[in-house]
Amino acid sequence: MLEYAKLRGVIREKYKTEYAFAKALGVTRQTLGNKLSGRSDWSLREIEKAMQLLFLPASSVCDYFFTPQVNV
């Protein structure tokens, strides 16, 4: 499973709420919640749009979308 803590942090920093970010991304809050919890996958188009909306460089996509969750 992937870890989205860093992505959640930047969403809160830039949009204050996940609902506001979901609206900008063009998905429902529930859909975004499913993606951030790993219950559904991100499409390439959604990842690209999220990176643009969050003003993140393409070189950091792995840091936000492809970080494996570490269980300790």
Protein backbone atom coordinates (compact mmCIF):
# COMPACT_ATOMS: atom_id res chain seq x y z
CA MET A 1 0.00 0.00 0.00
CA LEU A 2 1.16 3.54 -0.68
CA GLU A 3 1.56 6.32 1.88
CA TYR A 4 0.00 9.70 1.09
CA ALA A 5 0.88 11.65 4.26
CA LYS A 6 3.16 14.04 2.40
CA LEU A 7 0.49 14.63 -0.25
CA ARG A 8 -2.15 15.24 2.43
CA GLY A 9 0.16 17.80 4.04
CA VAL A 10 0.66 19.82 0.89
CA ILE A 11 -3.07 19.64 0.13
CA ARG A 12 -3.82 21.17 3.55
CA GLU A 13 -1.07 23.76 3.08
CA LYS A 14 -2.32 24.93 -0.33
CA TYR A 15 -6.08 24.28 -0.14
CA LYS A 16 -6.80 24.15 3.62
CA THR A 17 -9.29 21.27 3.17
CA GLU A 18 -9.40 18.07 1.17
CA TYR A 19 -12.88 19.09 0.01
CA ALA A 20 -11.52 22.28 -1.61
CA PHE A 21 -8.76 20.30 -3.32
CA ALA A 22 -11.20 17.62 -4.50
CA LYS A 23 -13.37 20.32 -6.05
CA ALA A 24 -10.36 21.85 -7.85
CA LEU A 25 -9.30 18.39 -9.02
CA GLY A 26 -12.79 17.70 -10.34
CA VAL A 27 -13.62 14.73 -8.11
CA THR A 28 -15.89 14.26 -5.12
CA ARG A 29 -14.57 14.40 -1.57
CA GLN A 30 -15.37 10.70 -1.25
CA THR A 31 -13.39 9.86 -4.39
CA LEU A 32 -10.39 11.82 -3.12
CA GLY A 33 -10.69 10.13 0.27
CA ASN A 34 -10.67 6.73 -1.43
CA LYS A 35 -7.53 7.64 -3.34
CA LEU A 36 -5.73 9.02 -0.29
CA SER A 37 -6.60 5.93 1.74
CA GLY A 38 -5.46 3.56 -1.00
CA ARG A 39 -8.94 2.16 -1.69
CA SER A 40 -8.79 3.36 -5.30
CA ASP A 41 -5.98 4.20 -7.68
CA TRP A 42 -4.94 7.53 -9.12
CA SER A 43 -5.11 7.88 -12.90
CA LEU A 44 -2.17 9.43 -14.71
CA ARG A 45 -4.36 12.41 -15.65
CA GLU A 46 -5.36 12.93 -11.98
CA ILE A 47 -1.73 12.78 -10.86
CA GLU A 48 -0.70 15.30 -13.51
CA LYS A 49 -3.54 17.67 -12.59
CA ALA A 50 -2.84 17.33 -8.86
CA MET A 51 0.83 18.14 -9.41
CA GLN A 52 -0.17 21.27 -11.35
CA LEU A 53 -2.78 22.37 -8.80
CA LEU A 54 -0.30 21.93 -5.95
CA PHE A 55 2.54 23.63 -7.86
CA LEU A 56 4.80 20.61 -7.40
CA PRO A 57 7.67 19.90 -9.79
CA ALA A 58 7.30 16.81 -11.97
CA SER A 59 10.60 15.55 -10.57
CA SER A 60 8.96 15.07 -7.16
CA VAL A 61 6.00 12.94 -8.32
CA CYS A 62 7.41 9.80 -6.65
CA ASP A 63 7.67 11.61 -3.31
CA TYR A 64 3.94 12.32 -3.31
CA PHE A 65 2.31 9.47 -5.23
CA PHE A 66 4.58 6.44 -5.10
CA THR A 67 5.90 6.21 -1.55
CA PRO A 68 5.35 2.75 -0.03
CA GLN A 69 3.78 2.65 3.41
CA VAL A 70 6.17 1.36 6.05
CA ASN A 71 4.66 -0.81 8.76
CA VAL A 72 6.62 -0.89 12.01
